[in-house]
């Protein structure tokens, strides 16, 4: 009975569905690995707050001046919910030198920056694999 389930054009479609799920799982794993590398490369430097701007929704934009590690711009924008540093004060920021425009507070730098995308890729990958496995067990 199982040999019949693996023959014909329907089995090719099932294998494509299985490969689709594996590709999504691989994509999520690569994204998580890239986030882990970016977290390990992070640099923490002090930055002076030069200006504050309020945005709609309670978001505050801080214009910071940092001492660049490589060839980054000296000025950077940090968007937070609420005021983190007043004008003239110093705050510790953290960023990946390969992506210097993505700045976080040093204490709140996320280990997995794209966590929602990684979870979504995992769910999209697991569903077709489960479909194929359930179909294989039923047949």
N, C-alpha and C. Protein backbone atom coordinates (compact mmCIF):
# COMPACT_ATOMS: atom_id res chain seq x y z
N UNK A 1 0.82 -1.19 0.00
CA UNK A 1 0.00 0.00 0.00
C UNK A 1 0.87 1.26 0.00
N UNK A 2 1.96 1.25 0.75
CA UNK A 2 2.81 2.43 0.81
C UNK A 2 3.54 2.66 -0.50
N UNK A 3 3.86 1.61 -1.23
CA UNK A 3 4.53 1.77 -2.52
C UNK A 3 3.61 2.50 -3.50
N UNK A 4 2.32 2.29 -3.40
CA UNK A 4 1.38 2.97 -4.28
C UNK A 4 1.33 4.46 -3.97
N UNK A 5 1.52 4.82 -2.71
CA UNK A 5 1.45 6.23 -2.32
C UNK A 5 2.65 7.01 -2.84
N UNK A 6 3.75 6.35 -3.16
CA UNK A 6 4.95 7.04 -3.62
C UNK A 6 5.12 7.00 -5.13
N UNK A 7 4.12 6.56 -5.87
CA UNK A 7 4.20 6.46 -7.31
C UNK A 7 3.29 7.48 -7.97
N UNK A 8 3.59 7.82 -9.21
CA UNK A 8 2.72 8.65 -10.01
C UNK A 8 2.96 10.13 -9.84
N UNK A 9 2.18 10.94 -10.57
CA UNK A 9 2.38 12.39 -10.53
C UNK A 9 2.00 13.00 -9.18
N UNK A 10 1.11 12.36 -8.45
CA UNK A 10 0.73 12.89 -7.14
C UNK A 10 1.89 12.84 -6.17
N UNK A 11 2.72 11.81 -6.27
CA UNK A 11 3.85 11.72 -5.35
C UNK A 11 4.87 12.81 -5.64
N UNK A 12 5.02 13.20 -6.90
CA UNK A 12 5.94 14.29 -7.24
C UNK A 12 5.47 15.59 -6.58
N UNK A 13 4.16 15.81 -6.58
CA UNK A 13 3.62 17.01 -5.93
C UNK A 13 3.85 16.96 -4.43
N UNK A 14 3.69 15.77 -3.86
CA UNK A 14 3.90 15.63 -2.41
C UNK A 14 5.36 15.91 -2.06
N UNK A 15 6.28 15.41 -2.88
CA UNK A 15 7.69 15.68 -2.62
C UNK A 15 8.02 17.17 -2.80
N UNK A 16 7.37 17.83 -3.74
CA UNK A 16 7.57 19.28 -3.90
C UNK A 16 7.05 20.04 -2.68
N UNK A 17 5.92 19.61 -2.16
CA UNK A 17 5.38 20.24 -0.94
C UNK A 17 6.33 20.04 0.22
N UNK A 18 6.89 18.83 0.34
CA UNK A 18 7.85 18.55 1.40
C UNK A 18 9.11 19.40 1.23
N UNK A 19 9.60 19.53 0.00
CA UNK A 19 10.79 20.35 -0.26
C UNK A 19 10.51 21.83 0.03
N UNK A 20 9.28 22.28 -0.27
CA UNK A 20 8.89 23.66 0.03
C UNK A 20 8.97 23.92 1.53
N UNK A 21 8.46 22.99 2.33
CA UNK A 21 8.52 23.14 3.78
C UNK A 21 9.95 23.13 4.29
N UNK A 22 10.77 22.25 3.74
CA UNK A 22 12.18 22.20 4.16
C UNK A 22 12.91 23.49 3.80
N UNK A 23 12.59 24.07 2.64
CA UNK A 23 13.22 25.32 2.24
C UNK A 23 12.86 26.45 3.21
N UNK A 24 11.60 26.51 3.65
CA UNK A 24 11.20 27.54 4.61
C UNK A 24 11.88 27.32 5.97
N UNK A 25 12.01 26.09 6.39
CA UNK A 25 12.73 25.83 7.65
C UNK A 25 14.19 26.24 7.53
N UNK A 26 14.80 25.96 6.40
CA UNK A 26 16.18 26.36 6.18
C UNK A 26 16.32 27.88 6.17
N UNK A 27 15.36 28.56 5.54
CA UNK A 27 15.36 30.02 5.53
C UNK A 27 15.29 30.60 6.95
N UNK A 28 14.42 30.05 7.78
CA UNK A 28 14.31 30.50 9.16
C UNK A 28 15.58 30.24 9.95
N UNK A 29 16.22 29.10 9.71
CA UNK A 29 17.47 28.79 10.41
C UNK A 29 18.59 29.72 9.99
N UNK A 30 18.67 30.04 8.70
CA UNK A 30 19.70 30.97 8.22
C UNK A 30 19.47 32.37 8.79
N UNK A 31 18.23 32.78 8.86
CA UNK A 31 17.90 34.09 9.44
C UNK A 31 18.28 34.14 10.91
N UNK A 32 18.00 33.09 11.66
CA UNK A 32 18.38 33.04 13.07
C UNK A 32 19.90 33.03 13.23
N UNK A 33 20.60 32.32 12.37
CA UNK A 33 22.06 32.28 12.42
C UNK A 33 22.65 33.66 12.12
N UNK A 34 22.08 34.37 11.14
CA UNK A 34 22.56 35.71 10.81
C UNK A 34 22.31 36.68 11.97
N UNK A 35 21.16 36.55 12.62
CA UNK A 35 20.89 37.40 13.78
C UNK A 35 21.86 37.12 14.92
N UNK A 36 22.20 35.86 15.12
CA UNK A 36 23.15 35.51 16.18
C UNK A 36 24.53 36.08 15.88
N UNK A 37 24.95 36.01 14.63
CA UNK A 37 26.24 36.60 14.26
C UNK A 37 26.24 38.11 14.44
N UNK A 38 25.15 38.77 14.07
CA UNK A 38 25.06 40.22 14.24
C UNK A 38 25.08 40.59 15.72
N UNK A 39 24.46 39.77 16.55
CA UNK A 39 24.47 40.03 18.00
C UNK A 39 25.88 39.88 18.56
N UNK A 40 26.63 38.91 18.06
CA UNK A 40 27.99 38.70 18.55
C UNK A 40 28.95 39.78 18.05
N UNK A 41 28.65 40.40 16.89
CA UNK A 41 29.51 41.46 16.35
C UNK A 41 29.21 42.82 16.96
N UNK A 42 28.18 42.92 17.76
CA UNK A 42 27.72 44.23 18.22
C UNK A 42 28.82 45.00 18.95
N UNK A 43 28.74 46.30 18.85
CA UNK A 43 29.68 47.20 19.48
C UNK A 43 28.88 48.13 20.39
N UNK A 44 29.38 48.36 21.58
CA UNK A 44 28.73 49.26 22.52
C UNK A 44 29.61 50.49 22.71
N UNK A 45 29.04 51.67 22.43
CA UNK A 45 29.77 52.93 22.54
C UNK A 45 28.89 53.97 23.23
N UNK A 46 29.50 54.94 23.89
CA UNK A 46 28.70 56.04 24.44
C UNK A 46 28.33 57.02 23.32
N UNK A 47 27.16 57.64 23.47
CA UNK A 47 26.69 58.62 22.49
C UNK A 47 26.06 59.78 23.23
N UNK A 48 26.30 60.98 22.73
CA UNK A 48 25.74 62.19 23.32
C UNK A 48 24.47 62.57 22.59
N UNK A 49 23.44 62.87 23.35
CA UNK A 49 22.15 63.28 22.78
C UNK A 49 22.23 64.75 22.38
N UNK A 50 21.92 65.04 21.10
CA UNK A 50 22.00 66.40 20.61
C UNK A 50 20.64 67.05 20.40
N UNK A 51 19.62 66.24 20.09
CA UNK A 51 18.29 66.80 19.87
C UNK A 51 17.24 65.72 20.09
N UNK A 52 16.02 66.16 20.41
CA UNK A 52 14.87 65.27 20.58
C UNK A 52 13.74 65.74 19.69
N UNK A 53 13.04 64.80 19.07
CA UNK A 53 11.85 65.10 18.27
C UNK A 53 10.76 64.12 18.65
N UNK A 54 9.54 64.62 18.82
CA UNK A 54 8.40 63.75 19.10
C UNK A 54 7.75 63.36 17.79
N UNK A 55 7.38 62.08 17.70
CA UNK A 55 6.64 61.55 16.55
C UNK A 55 5.27 61.12 17.05
N UNK A 56 4.32 60.94 16.15
CA UNK A 56 3.00 60.44 16.58
C UNK A 56 3.10 59.05 17.19
N UNK A 57 2.25 58.78 18.15
CA UNK A 57 2.22 57.47 18.79
C UNK A 57 3.15 57.34 19.98
N UNK A 58 3.66 58.43 20.49
CA UNK A 58 4.52 58.38 21.66
C UNK A 58 5.96 57.99 21.37
N UNK A 59 6.35 57.99 20.11
CA UNK A 59 7.73 57.65 19.74
C UNK A 59 8.57 58.91 19.78
N UNK A 60 9.75 58.79 20.37
CA UNK A 60 10.68 59.91 20.47
C UNK A 60 11.92 59.59 19.65
N UNK A 61 12.31 60.53 18.81
CA UNK A 61 13.49 60.37 17.98
C UNK A 61 14.65 61.15 18.61
N UNK A 62 15.72 60.43 18.94
CA UNK A 62 16.90 61.03 19.54
C UNK A 62 17.99 61.17 18.47
N UNK A 63 18.53 62.35 18.31
CA UNK A 63 19.68 62.54 17.43
C UNK A 63 20.92 62.42 18.31
N UNK A 64 21.72 61.37 18.05
CA UNK A 64 22.88 61.07 18.88
C UNK A 64 24.16 61.27 18.10
N UNK A 65 25.20 61.66 18.80
CA UNK A 65 26.53 61.76 18.22
C UNK A 65 27.41 60.72 18.90
N UNK A 66 27.90 59.77 18.13
CA UNK A 66 28.70 58.67 18.68
C UNK A 66 30.13 58.75 18.17
N UNK A 67 31.01 58.03 18.84
CA UNK A 67 32.37 57.90 18.33
C UNK A 67 32.39 56.67 17.43
N UNK A 68 32.53 56.84 16.12
CA UNK A 68 32.43 55.70 15.21
C UNK A 68 33.60 54.73 15.36
N UNK A 69 33.30 53.44 15.20
CA UNK A 69 34.30 52.40 15.31
C UNK A 69 35.00 52.20 13.98
N UNK A 70 34.24 52.20 12.90
CA UNK A 70 34.82 52.01 11.56
C UNK A 70 34.48 53.25 10.73
N UNK A 71 33.93 53.08 9.57
CA UNK A 71 33.62 54.21 8.70
C UNK A 71 32.19 54.68 8.81
N UNK A 72 31.54 54.52 9.97
CA UNK A 72 30.14 54.90 10.12
C UNK A 72 30.01 56.42 10.26
N UNK A 73 28.77 56.87 10.06
CA UNK A 73 28.48 58.28 10.31
C UNK A 73 28.57 58.57 11.80
N UNK A 74 28.95 59.78 12.11
CA UNK A 74 29.06 60.16 13.51
C UNK A 74 27.69 60.34 14.15
N UNK A 75 26.73 60.86 13.37
CA UNK A 75 25.39 61.09 13.90
C UNK A 75 24.48 59.93 13.55
N UNK A 76 23.59 59.61 14.46
CA UNK A 76 22.68 58.49 14.28
C UNK A 76 21.35 58.80 14.96
N UNK A 77 20.27 58.21 14.43
CA UNK A 77 18.94 58.38 15.03
C UNK A 77 18.57 57.14 15.83
N UNK A 78 18.07 57.37 17.02
CA UNK A 78 17.57 56.30 17.88
C UNK A 78 16.10 56.59 18.15
N UNK A 79 15.21 55.66 17.75
CA UNK A 79 13.78 55.81 17.98
C UNK A 79 13.37 54.92 19.13
N UNK A 80 12.75 55.51 20.15
CA UNK A 80 12.30 54.76 21.32
C UNK A 80 10.91 55.23 21.73
N UNK A 81 10.27 54.41 22.57
CA UNK A 81 9.00 54.82 23.17
C UNK A 81 9.34 55.60 24.43
N UNK A 82 9.19 56.87 24.39
CA UNK A 82 9.51 57.71 25.53
C UNK A 82 10.94 58.25 25.45
N UNK A 83 11.22 59.21 26.31
CA UNK A 83 12.54 59.85 26.33
C UNK A 83 13.53 58.96 27.08
N UNK A 84 14.65 58.66 26.43
CA UNK A 84 15.69 57.83 27.03
C UNK A 84 16.81 58.71 27.57
N UNK A 85 17.15 59.77 26.83
CA UNK A 85 18.22 60.67 27.24
C UNK A 85 17.81 62.11 26.94
N UNK A 86 18.11 62.98 27.84
CA UNK A 86 17.84 64.40 27.63
C UNK A 86 18.96 64.99 26.77
N UNK A 87 18.70 66.17 26.22
CA UNK A 87 19.70 66.84 25.39
C UNK A 87 20.92 67.15 26.25
N UNK A 88 22.10 66.75 25.76
CA UNK A 88 23.35 66.98 26.47
C UNK A 88 23.81 65.80 27.32
N UNK A 89 22.94 64.82 27.55
CA UNK A 89 23.34 63.67 28.36
C UNK A 89 23.94 62.57 27.47
N UNK A 90 24.56 61.59 28.12
CA UNK A 90 25.21 60.49 27.42
C UNK A 90 24.47 59.19 27.69
N UNK A 91 24.34 58.35 26.65
CA UNK A 91 23.67 57.07 26.77
C UNK A 91 24.52 56.03 26.03
N UNK A 92 24.50 54.79 26.52
CA UNK A 92 25.21 53.72 25.85
C UNK A 92 24.33 53.12 24.76
N UNK A 93 24.87 53.07 23.54
CA UNK A 93 24.14 52.46 22.43
C UNK A 93 24.91 51.25 21.92
N UNK A 94 24.20 50.39 21.24
CA UNK A 94 24.78 49.17 20.71
C UNK A 94 24.34 49.01 19.27
N UNK A 95 25.26 48.57 18.40
CA UNK A 95 24.92 48.35 17.00
C UNK A 95 25.89 47.36 16.38
N UNK A 96 25.49 46.83 15.23
CA UNK A 96 26.33 45.93 14.45
C UNK A 96 27.11 46.80 13.45
N UNK A 97 28.45 46.71 13.44
CA UNK A 97 29.21 47.54 12.50
C UNK A 97 28.87 47.30 11.02
N UNK A 98 28.34 46.13 10.68
CA UNK A 98 27.92 45.88 9.30
C UNK A 98 26.58 46.55 8.99
N UNK A 99 25.80 46.87 10.01
CA UNK A 99 24.53 47.58 9.86
C UNK A 99 24.50 48.74 10.85
N UNK A 100 25.32 49.77 10.63
CA UNK A 100 25.45 50.84 11.64
C UNK A 100 24.22 51.72 11.79
N UNK A 101 23.27 51.65 10.87
CA UNK A 101 22.07 52.47 10.97
C UNK A 101 21.05 51.87 11.93
N UNK A 102 21.18 50.60 12.30
CA UNK A 102 20.26 49.96 13.25
C UNK A 102 20.86 50.06 14.64
N UNK A 103 20.38 51.03 15.39
CA UNK A 103 20.94 51.35 16.70
C UNK A 103 19.94 50.95 17.78
N UNK A 104 20.46 50.36 18.86
CA UNK A 104 19.65 49.97 20.00
C UNK A 104 20.29 50.51 21.27
N UNK A 105 19.49 50.62 22.32
CA UNK A 105 20.08 50.88 23.63
C UNK A 105 20.89 49.66 24.02
N UNK A 106 22.02 49.85 24.65
CA UNK A 106 22.92 48.74 24.95
C UNK A 106 22.24 47.69 25.82
N UNK A 107 21.40 48.12 26.75
CA UNK A 107 20.74 47.18 27.65
C UNK A 107 19.58 46.44 26.97
N UNK A 108 19.11 46.94 25.83
CA UNK A 108 17.94 46.36 25.18
C UNK A 108 18.23 45.85 23.77
N UNK A 109 19.47 45.49 23.49
CA UNK A 109 19.81 44.97 22.16
C UNK A 109 19.25 43.56 22.03
N UNK A 110 18.35 43.33 21.06
CA UNK A 110 17.72 42.00 20.94
C UNK A 110 18.69 40.96 20.37
N UNK A 111 18.65 39.77 20.93
CA UNK A 111 19.49 38.69 20.40
C UNK A 111 18.98 38.25 19.03
N UNK A 112 17.68 38.13 18.89
CA UNK A 112 17.08 37.76 17.61
C UNK A 112 16.25 38.94 17.14
N UNK A 113 16.85 39.75 16.28
CA UNK A 113 16.22 40.97 15.82
C UNK A 113 15.00 40.70 14.96
N UNK A 114 15.02 39.64 14.18
CA UNK A 114 13.92 39.29 13.28
C UNK A 114 13.14 38.09 13.81
N UNK A 115 12.85 38.07 15.10
CA UNK A 115 12.24 36.91 15.73
C UNK A 115 10.88 36.57 15.12
N UNK A 116 10.07 37.56 14.83
CA UNK A 116 8.76 37.28 14.24
C UNK A 116 8.90 36.63 12.86
N UNK A 117 9.88 37.07 12.08
CA UNK A 117 10.11 36.46 10.78
C UNK A 117 10.62 35.04 10.89
N UNK A 118 11.45 34.79 11.90
CA UNK A 118 11.96 33.44 12.10
C UNK A 118 10.85 32.48 12.53
N UNK A 119 9.98 32.96 13.39
CA UNK A 119 8.84 32.13 13.82
C UNK A 119 7.90 31.88 12.65
N UNK A 120 7.63 32.92 11.87
CA UNK A 120 6.75 32.77 10.71
C UNK A 120 7.33 31.79 9.70
N UNK A 121 8.63 31.88 9.43
CA UNK A 121 9.27 30.94 8.49
C UNK A 121 9.19 29.52 9.03
N UNK A 122 9.35 29.36 10.34
CA UNK A 122 9.23 28.02 10.94
C UNK A 122 7.84 27.45 10.80
N UNK A 123 6.83 28.28 11.03
CA UNK A 123 5.44 27.81 10.92
C UNK A 123 5.12 27.47 9.46
N UNK A 124 5.54 28.34 8.54
CA UNK A 124 5.29 28.07 7.12
C UNK A 124 6.02 26.81 6.68
N UNK A 125 7.16 26.52 7.26
CA UNK A 125 7.90 25.31 6.92
C UNK A 125 7.33 24.05 7.55
N UNK A 126 6.85 24.15 8.77
CA UNK A 126 6.36 22.96 9.47
C UNK A 126 5.01 22.49 8.92
N UNK A 127 4.15 23.41 8.53
CA UNK A 127 2.82 23.02 8.06
C UNK A 127 2.85 22.10 6.84
N UNK A 128 3.59 22.40 5.77
CA UNK A 128 3.61 21.46 4.65
C UNK A 128 4.27 20.13 5.00
N UNK A 129 5.28 20.17 5.86
CA UNK A 129 5.94 18.92 6.27
C UNK A 129 4.96 18.06 7.06
N UNK A 130 4.20 18.66 7.96
CA UNK A 130 3.19 17.91 8.70
C UNK A 130 2.12 17.35 7.76
N UNK A 131 1.73 18.14 6.77
CA UNK A 131 0.74 17.67 5.80
C UNK A 131 1.25 16.40 5.09
N UNK A 132 2.49 16.44 4.65
CA UNK A 132 3.06 15.29 3.94
C UNK A 132 3.18 14.09 4.87
N UNK A 133 3.64 14.31 6.09
CA UNK A 133 3.78 13.20 7.03
C UNK A 133 2.44 12.58 7.40
N UNK A 134 1.43 13.40 7.64
CA UNK A 134 0.10 12.89 7.96
C UNK A 134 -0.48 12.14 6.77
N UNK A 135 -0.28 12.68 5.59
CA UNK A 135 -0.79 12.00 4.41
C UNK A 135 -0.09 10.66 4.20
N UNK A 136 1.22 10.60 4.48
CA UNK A 136 1.98 9.37 4.33
C UNK A 136 1.54 8.31 5.34
N UNK A 137 1.27 8.76 6.58
CA UNK A 137 0.82 7.82 7.62
C UNK A 137 -0.57 7.30 7.31
N UNK A 138 -1.46 8.14 6.81
CA UNK A 138 -2.83 7.73 6.50
C UNK A 138 -2.86 6.74 5.34
N UNK A 139 -2.01 6.94 4.34
CA UNK A 139 -2.07 6.06 3.15
C UNK A 139 -1.47 4.70 3.39
